[in-house]
PDB file of N, CA and C in Angstrom:
ATOM      1  N   UNK A   1      10.212  -4.875  -9.391  1.00  0.00           N
ATOM      2  CA  UNK A   1       9.873  -5.384  -8.087  1.00  0.00           C
ATOM      3  C   UNK A   1      10.375  -6.824  -7.980  1.00  0.00           C
ATOM      4  N   UNK A   2      11.025  -7.095  -6.884  1.00  0.00           N
ATOM      5  CA  UNK A   2      11.548  -8.440  -6.654  1.00  0.00           C
ATOM      6  C   UNK A   2      10.398  -9.399  -6.340  1.00  0.00           C
ATOM      7  N   UNK A   3      10.561 -10.677  -6.702  1.00  0.00           N
ATOM      8  CA  UNK A   3       9.497 -11.655  -6.420  1.00  0.00           C
ATOM      9  C   UNK A   3       9.106 -11.722  -4.942  1.00  0.00           C
ATOM     10  N   UNK A   4      10.073 -11.590  -4.047  1.00  0.00           N
ATOM     11  CA  UNK A   4       9.737 -11.638  -2.623  1.00  0.00           C
ATOM     12  C   UNK A   4       8.909 -10.426  -2.216  1.00  0.00           C
ATOM     13  N   UNK A   5       9.227  -9.284  -2.801  1.00  0.00           N
ATOM     14  CA  UNK A   5       8.449  -8.080  -2.510  1.00  0.00           C
ATOM     15  C   UNK A   5       7.026  -8.217  -3.057  1.00  0.00           C
ATOM     16  N   UNK A   6       6.929  -8.741  -4.255  1.00  0.00           N
ATOM     17  CA  UNK A   6       5.621  -8.930  -4.862  1.00  0.00           C
ATOM     18  C   UNK A   6       4.776  -9.891  -4.040  1.00  0.00           C
ATOM     19  N   UNK A   7       5.361 -10.986  -3.588  1.00  0.00           N
ATOM     20  CA  UNK A   7       4.588 -11.950  -2.802  1.00  0.00           C
ATOM     21  C   UNK A   7       4.146 -11.341  -1.466  1.00  0.00           C
ATOM     22  N   UNK A   8       4.968 -10.474  -0.875  1.00  0.00           N
ATOM     23  CA  UNK A   8       4.601  -9.808   0.366  1.00  0.00           C
ATOM     24  C   UNK A   8       3.417  -8.860   0.145  1.00  0.00           C
ATOM     25  N   UNK A   9       3.446  -8.125  -0.944  1.00  0.00           N
ATOM     26  CA  UNK A   9       2.342  -7.211  -1.255  1.00  0.00           C
ATOM     27  C   UNK A   9       1.067  -7.996  -1.520  1.00  0.00           C
ATOM     28  N   UNK A  10       1.166  -9.068  -2.269  1.00  0.00           N
ATOM     29  CA  UNK A  10      -0.001  -9.909  -2.546  1.00  0.00           C
ATOM     30  C   UNK A  10      -0.544 -10.492  -1.250  1.00  0.00           C
ATOM     31  N   UNK A  11       0.337 -10.914  -0.357  1.00  0.00           N
ATOM     32  CA  UNK A  11      -0.096 -11.464   0.928  1.00  0.00           C
ATOM     33  C   UNK A  11      -0.889 -10.415   1.709  1.00  0.00           C
ATOM     34  N   UNK A  12      -0.384  -9.194   1.734  1.00  0.00           N
ATOM     35  CA  UNK A  12      -1.075  -8.120   2.449  1.00  0.00           C
ATOM     36  C   UNK A  12      -2.435  -7.800   1.822  1.00  0.00           C
ATOM     37  N   UNK A  13      -2.499  -7.813   0.507  1.00  0.00           N
ATOM     38  CA  UNK A  13      -3.767  -7.539  -0.175  1.00  0.00           C
ATOM     39  C   UNK A  13      -4.775  -8.663   0.059  1.00  0.00           C
ATOM     40  N   UNK A  14      -4.310  -9.888   0.080  1.00  0.00           N
ATOM     41  CA  UNK A  14      -5.214 -11.009   0.372  1.00  0.00           C
ATOM     42  C   UNK A  14      -5.720 -10.938   1.806  1.00  0.00           C
ATOM     43  N   UNK A  15      -4.867 -10.475   2.694  1.00  0.00           N
ATOM     44  CA  UNK A  15      -5.276 -10.267   4.080  1.00  0.00           C
ATOM     45  C   UNK A  15      -6.398  -9.234   4.130  1.00  0.00           C
ATOM     46  N   UNK A  16      -6.228  -8.146   3.394  1.00  0.00           N
ATOM     47  CA  UNK A  16      -7.265  -7.112   3.340  1.00  0.00           C
ATOM     48  C   UNK A  16      -8.557  -7.676   2.759  1.00  0.00           C
ATOM     49  N   UNK A  17      -8.446  -8.488   1.713  1.00  0.00           N
ATOM     50  CA  UNK A  17      -9.635  -9.089   1.107  1.00  0.00           C
ATOM     51  C   UNK A  17     -10.344 -10.007   2.103  1.00  0.00           C
ATOM     52  N   UNK A  18      -9.575 -10.756   2.862  1.00  0.00           N
ATOM     53  CA  UNK A  18     -10.170 -11.621   3.872  1.00  0.00           C
ATOM     54  C   UNK A  18     -10.909 -10.832   4.933  1.00  0.00           C
ATOM     55  N   UNK A  19     -10.294  -9.756   5.394  1.00  0.00           N
ATOM     56  CA  UNK A  19     -10.950  -8.897   6.377  1.00  0.00           C
ATOM     57  C   UNK A  19     -12.229  -8.289   5.791  1.00  0.00           C
ATOM     58  N   UNK A  20     -12.166  -7.849   4.535  1.00  0.00           N
ATOM     59  CA  UNK A  20     -13.334  -7.242   3.913  1.00  0.00           C
ATOM     60  C   UNK A  20     -14.471  -8.255   3.772  1.00  0.00           C
ATOM     61  N   UNK A  21     -14.141  -9.470   3.386  1.00  0.00           N
ATOM     62  CA  UNK A  21     -15.169 -10.514   3.304  1.00  0.00           C
ATOM     63  C   UNK A  21     -15.804 -10.759   4.670  1.00  0.00           C
ATOM     64  N   UNK A  22     -14.984 -10.717   5.714  1.00  0.00           N
ATOM     65  CA  UNK A  22     -15.520 -10.881   7.074  1.00  0.00           C
ATOM     66  C   UNK A  22     -16.455  -9.735   7.427  1.00  0.00           C
ATOM     67  N   UNK A  23     -16.115  -8.528   7.013  1.00  0.00           N
ATOM     68  CA  UNK A  23     -16.972  -7.373   7.279  1.00  0.00           C
ATOM     69  C   UNK A  23     -18.312  -7.530   6.565  1.00  0.00           C
ATOM     70  N   UNK A  24     -18.277  -7.956   5.325  1.00  0.00           N
ATOM     71  CA  UNK A  24     -19.509  -8.155   4.562  1.00  0.00           C
ATOM     72  C   UNK A  24     -20.406  -9.175   5.263  1.00  0.00           C
ATOM     73  N   UNK A  25     -19.806 -10.274   5.686  1.00  0.00           N
ATOM     74  CA  UNK A  25     -20.577 -11.300   6.395  1.00  0.00           C
ATOM     75  C   UNK A  25     -21.154 -10.756   7.700  1.00  0.00           C
ATOM     76  N   UNK A  26     -20.383  -9.953   8.402  1.00  0.00           N
ATOM     77  CA  UNK A  26     -20.862  -9.383   9.658  1.00  0.00           C
ATOM     78  C   UNK A  26     -22.072  -8.488   9.432  1.00  0.00           C
ATOM     79  N   UNK A  27     -22.026  -7.687   8.388  1.00  0.00           N
ATOM     80  CA  UNK A  27     -23.150  -6.807   8.086  1.00  0.00           C
ATOM     81  C   UNK A  27     -24.367  -7.644   7.687  1.00  0.00           C
ATOM     82  N   UNK A  28     -24.143  -8.665   6.858  1.00  0.00           N
ATOM     83  CA  UNK A  28     -25.249  -9.539   6.446  1.00  0.00           C
ATOM     84  C   UNK A  28     -25.891 -10.233   7.642  1.00  0.00           C
ATOM     85  N   UNK A  29     -25.082 -10.563   8.642  1.00  0.00           N
ATOM     86  CA  UNK A  29     -25.583 -11.249   9.836  1.00  0.00           C
ATOM     87  C   UNK A  29     -26.138 -10.288  10.882  1.00  0.00           C
ATOM     88  N   UNK A  30     -26.025  -8.998  10.634  1.00  0.00           N
ATOM     89  CA  UNK A  30     -26.554  -8.012  11.559  1.00  0.00           C
ATOM     90  C   UNK A  30     -25.726  -7.855  12.825  1.00  0.00           C
ATOM     91  N   UNK A  31     -24.422  -8.068  12.717  1.00  0.00           N
ATOM     92  CA  UNK A  31     -23.538  -7.926  13.883  1.00  0.00           C
ATOM     93  C   UNK A  31     -23.526  -6.470  14.360  1.00  0.00           C
ATOM     94  N   UNK A  32     -23.179  -6.258  15.627  1.00  0.00           N
ATOM     95  CA  UNK A  32     -23.115  -4.889  16.159  1.00  0.00           C
ATOM     96  C   UNK A  32     -22.137  -4.023  15.368  1.00  0.00           C
ATOM     97  N   UNK A  33     -22.515  -2.759  15.215  1.00  0.00           N
ATOM     98  CA  UNK A  33     -21.705  -1.828  14.426  1.00  0.00           C
ATOM     99  C   UNK A  33     -20.297  -1.668  14.986  1.00  0.00           C
ATOM    100  N   UNK A  34     -20.143  -1.765  16.287  1.00  0.00           N
ATOM    101  CA  UNK A  34     -18.804  -1.650  16.882  1.00  0.00           C
ATOM    102  C   UNK A  34     -17.871  -2.725  16.338  1.00  0.00           C
ATOM    103  N   UNK A  35     -18.396  -3.951  16.220  1.00  0.00           N
ATOM    104  CA  UNK A  35     -17.581  -5.046  15.688  1.00  0.00           C
ATOM    105  C   UNK A  35     -17.267  -4.832  14.211  1.00  0.00           C
ATOM    106  N   UNK A  36     -18.266  -4.351  13.473  1.00  0.00           N
ATOM    107  CA  UNK A  36     -18.071  -4.092  12.041  1.00  0.00           C
ATOM    108  C   UNK A  36     -17.008  -3.017  11.844  1.00  0.00           C
ATOM    109  N   UNK A  37     -17.112  -1.939  12.604  1.00  0.00           N
ATOM    110  CA  UNK A  37     -16.137  -0.855  12.469  1.00  0.00           C
ATOM    111  C   UNK A  37     -14.734  -1.312  12.857  1.00  0.00           C
ATOM    112  N   UNK A  38     -14.635  -2.163  13.853  1.00  0.00           N
ATOM    113  CA  UNK A  38     -13.330  -2.696  14.250  1.00  0.00           C
ATOM    114  C   UNK A  38     -12.697  -3.467  13.078  1.00  0.00           C
ATOM    115  N   UNK A  39     -13.491  -4.286  12.419  1.00  0.00           N
ATOM    116  CA  UNK A  39     -12.978  -5.052  11.282  1.00  0.00           C
ATOM    117  C   UNK A  39     -12.660  -4.155  10.087  1.00  0.00           C
ATOM    118  N   UNK A  40     -13.444  -3.094   9.907  1.00  0.00           N
ATOM    119  CA  UNK A  40     -13.120  -2.138   8.830  1.00  0.00           C
ATOM    120  C   UNK A  40     -11.758  -1.502   9.080  1.00  0.00           C
ATOM    121  N   UNK A  41     -11.437  -1.257  10.336  1.00  0.00           N
ATOM    122  CA  UNK A  41     -10.110  -0.741  10.678  1.00  0.00           C
ATOM    123  C   UNK A  41      -9.019  -1.701  10.262  1.00  0.00           C
ATOM    124  N   UNK A  42      -9.277  -2.999  10.432  1.00  0.00           N
ATOM    125  CA  UNK A  42      -8.294  -4.010  10.013  1.00  0.00           C
ATOM    126  C   UNK A  42      -8.119  -4.004   8.494  1.00  0.00           C
ATOM    127  N   UNK A  43      -9.219  -3.805   7.767  1.00  0.00           N
ATOM    128  CA  UNK A  43      -9.145  -3.718   6.302  1.00  0.00           C
ATOM    129  C   UNK A  43      -8.280  -2.529   5.901  1.00  0.00           C
ATOM    130  N   UNK A  44      -8.557  -1.383   6.492  1.00  0.00           N
ATOM    131  CA  UNK A  44      -7.788  -0.181   6.174  1.00  0.00           C
ATOM    132  C   UNK A  44      -6.301  -0.366   6.494  1.00  0.00           C
ATOM    133  N   UNK A  45      -6.002  -0.977   7.628  1.00  0.00           N
ATOM    134  CA  UNK A  45      -4.603  -1.183   8.011  1.00  0.00           C
ATOM    135  C   UNK A  45      -3.892  -2.092   7.016  1.00  0.00           C
ATOM    136  N   UNK A  46      -4.557  -3.143   6.577  1.00  0.00           N
ATOM    137  CA  UNK A  46      -3.945  -4.065   5.616  1.00  0.00           C
ATOM    138  C   UNK A  46      -3.705  -3.380   4.271  1.00  0.00           C
ATOM    139  N   UNK A  47      -4.650  -2.558   3.843  1.00  0.00           N
ATOM    140  CA  UNK A  47      -4.491  -1.837   2.575  1.00  0.00           C
ATOM    141  C   UNK A  47      -3.365  -0.814   2.687  1.00  0.00           C
ATOM    142  N   UNK A  48      -3.307  -0.104   3.798  1.00  0.00           N
ATOM    143  CA  UNK A  48      -2.226   0.879   3.990  1.00  0.00           C
ATOM    144  C   UNK A  48      -0.868   0.192   4.015  1.00  0.00           C
ATOM    145  N   UNK A  49      -0.786  -0.969   4.630  1.00  0.00           N
ATOM    146  CA  UNK A  49       0.479  -1.707   4.671  1.00  0.00           C
ATOM    147  C   UNK A  49       0.916  -2.099   3.266  1.00  0.00           C
ATOM    148  N   UNK A  50      -0.030  -2.526   2.443  1.00  0.00           N
ATOM    149  CA  UNK A  50       0.301  -2.888   1.060  1.00  0.00           C
ATOM    150  C   UNK A  50       0.741  -1.657   0.268  1.00  0.00           C
ATOM    151  N   UNK A  51       0.041  -0.548   0.438  1.00  0.00           N
ATOM    152  CA  UNK A  51       0.414   0.686  -0.259  1.00  0.00           C
ATOM    153  C   UNK A  51       1.779   1.180   0.161  1.00  0.00           C
ATOM    154  N   UNK A  52       2.048   1.120   1.434  1.00  0.00           N
ATOM    155  CA  UNK A  52       3.357   1.527   1.953  1.00  0.00           C
ATOM    156  C   UNK A  52       4.464   0.669   1.362  1.00  0.00           C
ATOM    157  N   UNK A  53       4.223  -0.632   1.302  1.00  0.00           N
ATOM    158  CA  UNK A  53       5.219  -1.554   0.738  1.00  0.00           C
ATOM    159  C   UNK A  53       5.465  -1.249  -0.740  1.00  0.00           C
ATOM    160  N   UNK A  54       4.406  -0.884  -1.473  1.00  0.00           N
ATOM    161  CA  UNK A  54       4.576  -0.525  -2.887  1.00  0.00           C
ATOM    162  C   UNK A  54       5.495   0.684  -3.042  1.00  0.00           C
ATOM    163  N   UNK A  55       5.289   1.686  -2.206  1.00  0.00           N
ATOM    164  CA  UNK A  55       6.132   2.881  -2.281  1.00  0.00           C
ATOM    165  C   UNK A  55       7.572   2.547  -1.926  1.00  0.00           C
ATOM    166  N   UNK A  56       7.760   1.729  -0.918  1.00  0.00           N
ATOM    167  CA  UNK A  56       9.118   1.325  -0.535  1.00  0.00           C
ATOM    168  C   UNK A  56       9.799   0.576  -1.673  1.00  0.00           C
ATOM    169  N   UNK A  57       9.086  -0.314  -2.321  1.00  0.00           N
ATOM    170  CA  UNK A  57       9.654  -1.062  -3.454  1.00  0.00           C
ATOM    171  C   UNK A  57      10.074  -0.130  -4.578  1.00  0.00           C
ATOM    172  N   UNK A  58       9.225   0.840  -4.883  1.00  0.00           N
ATOM    173  CA  UNK A  58       9.550   1.789  -5.956  1.00  0.00           C
ATOM    174  C   UNK A  58      10.750   2.639  -5.567  1.00  0.00           C
ATOM    175  N   UNK A  59      10.800   3.077  -4.325  1.00  0.00           N
ATOM    176  CA  UNK A  59      11.934   3.886  -3.865  1.00  0.00           C
ATOM    177  C   UNK A  59      13.228   3.091  -3.961  1.00  0.00           C
ATOM    178  N   UNK A  60      13.171   1.831  -3.591  1.00  0.00           N
ATOM    179  CA  UNK A  60      14.376   0.994  -3.677  1.00  0.00           C
ATOM    180  C   UNK A  60      14.798   0.767  -5.119  1.00  0.00           C
ATOM    181  N   UNK A  61      13.811   0.648  -6.017  1.00  0.00           N
ATOM    182  CA  UNK A  61      14.157   0.372  -7.416  1.00  0.00           C
ATOM    183  C   UNK A  61      14.786   1.576  -8.114  1.00  0.00           C
ATOM    184  N   UNK A  62      14.481   2.789  -7.659  1.00  0.00           N
ATOM    185  CA  UNK A  62      15.054   3.968  -8.311  1.00  0.00           C
ATOM    186  C   UNK A  62      16.093   4.684  -7.437  1.00  0.00           C
ATOM    187  N   UNK A  63      16.451   4.069  -6.348  1.00  0.00           N
ATOM    188  CA  UNK A  63      17.408   4.663  -5.405  1.00  0.00           C
ATOM    189  C   UNK A  63      18.718   5.041  -6.082  1.00  0.00           C
ATOM    190  N   UNK A  64      19.251   4.166  -6.907  1.00  0.00           N
ATOM    191  CA  UNK A  64      20.528   4.454  -7.557  1.00  0.00           C
ATOM    192  C   UNK A  64      20.439   5.644  -8.501  1.00  0.00           C
ATOM    193  N   UNK A  65      19.314   5.772  -9.188  1.00  0.00           N
ATOM    194  CA  UNK A  65      19.145   6.919 -10.091  1.00  0.00           C
ATOM    195  C   UNK A  65      19.148   8.212  -9.282  1.00  0.00           C
ATOM    196  N   UNK A  66      18.398   8.209  -8.192  1.00  0.00           N
ATOM    197  CA  UNK A  66      18.287   9.425  -7.372  1.00  0.00           C
ATOM    198  C   UNK A  66      19.633   9.793  -6.751  1.00  0.00           C
ATOM    199  N   UNK A  67      20.352   8.803  -6.278  1.00  0.00           N
ATOM    200  CA  UNK A  67      21.610   9.075  -5.570  1.00  0.00           C
ATOM    201  C   UNK A  67      22.820   9.238  -6.492  1.00  0.00           C
ATOM    202  N   UNK A  68      22.831   8.524  -7.612  1.00  0.00           N
ATOM    203  CA  UNK A  68      24.049   8.449  -8.409  1.00  0.00           C
ATOM    204  C   UNK A  68      23.968   9.042  -9.814  1.00  0.00           C
ATOM    205  N   UNK A  69      22.783   9.398 -10.278  1.00  0.00           N
ATOM    206  CA  UNK A  69      22.666   9.886 -11.643  1.00  0.00           C
ATOM    207  C   UNK A  69      23.426  11.202 -11.806  1.00  0.00           C
ATOM    208  N   UNK A  70      24.104  11.315 -12.927  1.00  0.00           N
ATOM    209  CA  UNK A  70      24.811  12.565 -13.220  1.00  0.00           C
ATOM    210  C   UNK A  70      23.855  13.625 -13.773  1.00  0.00           C
ATOM    211  N   UNK A  71      22.626  13.206 -14.050  1.00  0.00           N
ATOM    212  CA  UNK A  71      21.639  14.120 -14.611  1.00  0.00           C
ATOM    213  C   UNK A  71      20.716  14.650 -13.506  1.00  0.00           C
ATOM    214  N   UNK A  72      20.851  15.919 -13.165  1.00  0.00           N
ATOM    215  CA  UNK A  72      19.937  16.498 -12.165  1.00  0.00           C
ATOM    216  C   UNK A  72      18.475  16.402 -12.601  1.00  0.00           C
ATOM    217  N   UNK A  73      18.252  16.519 -13.916  1.00  0.00           N
ATOM    218  CA  UNK A  73      16.880  16.436 -14.426  1.00  0.00           C
ATOM    219  C   UNK A  73      16.292  15.048 -14.163  1.00  0.00           C
ATOM    220  N   UNK A  74      17.080  14.019 -14.403  1.00  0.00           N
ATOM    221  CA  UNK A  74      16.606  12.647 -14.180  1.00  0.00           C
ATOM    222  C   UNK A  74      16.338  12.400 -12.696  1.00  0.00           C
ATOM    223  N   UNK A  75      17.208  12.917 -11.838  1.00  0.00           N
ATOM    224  CA  UNK A  75      16.991  12.773 -10.388  1.00  0.00           C
ATOM    225  C   UNK A  75      15.701  13.468  -9.977  1.00  0.00           C
ATOM    226  N   UNK A  76      15.479  14.653 -10.498  1.00  0.00           N
ATOM    227  CA  UNK A  76      14.272  15.407 -10.181  1.00  0.00           C
ATOM    228  C   UNK A  76      13.022  14.671 -10.645  1.00  0.00           C
ATOM    229  N   UNK A  77      13.063  14.099 -11.837  1.00  0.00           N
ATOM    230  CA  UNK A  77      11.928  13.349 -12.366  1.00  0.00           C
ATOM    231  C   UNK A  77      11.586  12.182 -11.437  1.00  0.00           C
ATOM    232  N   UNK A  78      12.599  11.463 -11.006  1.00  0.00           N
ATOM    233  CA  UNK A  78      12.360  10.309 -10.129  1.00  0.00           C
ATOM    234  C   UNK A  78      11.840  10.736  -8.755  1.00  0.00           C
ATOM    235  N   UNK A  79      12.379  11.823  -8.230  1.00  0.00           N
ATOM    236  CA  UNK A  79      11.885  12.336  -6.948  1.00  0.00           C
ATOM    237  C   UNK A  79      10.436  12.804  -7.069  1.00  0.00           C
ATOM    238  N   UNK A  80      10.105  13.444  -8.168  1.00  0.00           N
ATOM    239  CA  UNK A  80       8.722  13.881  -8.387  1.00  0.00           C
ATOM    240  C   UNK A  80       7.791  12.679  -8.519  1.00  0.00           C
ATOM    241  N   UNK A  81       8.288  11.626  -9.149  1.00  0.00           N
ATOM    242  CA  UNK A  81       7.504  10.394  -9.274  1.00  0.00           C
ATOM    243  C   UNK A  81       7.204   9.818  -7.890  1.00  0.00           C
ATOM    244  N   UNK A  82       8.197   9.740  -7.037  1.00  0.00           N
ATOM    245  CA  UNK A  82       7.985   9.255  -5.673  1.00  0.00           C
ATOM    246  C   UNK A  82       7.020  10.152  -4.903  1.00  0.00           C
ATOM    247  N   UNK A  83       7.174  11.447  -5.080  1.00  0.00           N
ATOM    248  CA  UNK A  83       6.276  12.380  -4.409  1.00  0.00           C
ATOM    249  C   UNK A  83       4.835  12.169  -4.880  1.00  0.00           C
ATOM    250  N   UNK A  84       4.653  11.930  -6.142  1.00  0.00           N
ATOM    251  CA  UNK A  84       3.326  11.678  -6.697  1.00  0.00           C
ATOM    252  C   UNK A  84       2.716  10.405  -6.097  1.00  0.00           C
ATOM    253  N   UNK A  85       3.515   9.353  -6.020  1.00  0.00           N
ATOM    254  CA  UNK A  85       3.028   8.107  -5.421  1.00  0.00           C
ATOM    255  C   UNK A  85       2.621   8.324  -3.964  1.00  0.00           C
ATOM    256  N   UNK A  86       3.437   9.047  -3.240  1.00  0.00           N
ATOM    257  CA  UNK A  86       3.161   9.288  -1.833  1.00  0.00           C
ATOM    258  C   UNK A  86       1.896  10.137  -1.661  1.00  0.00           C
ATOM    259  N   UNK A  87       1.705  11.102  -2.537  1.00  0.00           N
ATOM    260  CA  UNK A  87       0.501  11.936  -2.488  1.00  0.00           C
ATOM    261  C   UNK A  87      -0.746  11.096  -2.730  1.00  0.00           C
ATOM    262  N   UNK A  88      -0.682  10.224  -3.717  1.00  0.00           N
ATOM    263  CA  UNK A  88      -1.811   9.317  -3.987  1.00  0.00           C
ATOM    264  C   UNK A  88      -2.075   8.454  -2.759  1.00  0.00           C
ATOM    265  N   UNK A  89      -1.017   7.928  -2.181  1.00  0.00           N
ATOM    266  CA  UNK A  89      -1.121   7.068  -1.009  1.00  0.00           C
ATOM    267  C   UNK A  89      -1.812   7.786   0.148  1.00  0.00           C
ATOM    268  N   UNK A  90      -1.463   9.050   0.355  1.00  0.00           N
ATOM    269  CA  UNK A  90      -2.036   9.809   1.468  1.00  0.00           C
ATOM    270  C   UNK A  90      -3.519  10.114   1.275  1.00  0.00           C
ATOM    271  N   UNK A  91      -3.986  10.110   0.050  1.00  0.00           N
ATOM    272  CA  UNK A  91      -5.379  10.462  -0.226  1.00  0.00           C
ATOM    273  C   UNK A  91      -6.353   9.310   0.009  1.00  0.00           C
ATOM    274  N   UNK A  92      -5.870   8.114   0.193  1.00  0.00           N
ATOM    275  CA  UNK A  92      -6.828   7.027   0.475  1.00  0.00           C
ATOM    276  C   UNK A  92      -6.708   6.532   1.868  1.00  0.00           C
TER     277      UNK A  92
END
């Protein structure tokens, strides 16, 4: 993973952490559930953005193997790895 990609993922995760801290404070303060749920949506969106970026980074890092490898077995392994990551991503 390139340093710029890593910093982008960290930025997105910190954004999610900030939103989550705001949600915790809202619940502690007894804010209306509509507001709490709205902020939970922001947490989920930030986490999904970070997860999506992780998959994109991995796809870019193994792109040459998938496209150019002379070994069909190696290409299949890398494609299965990406599929596994995407499946995990879809479950949360």
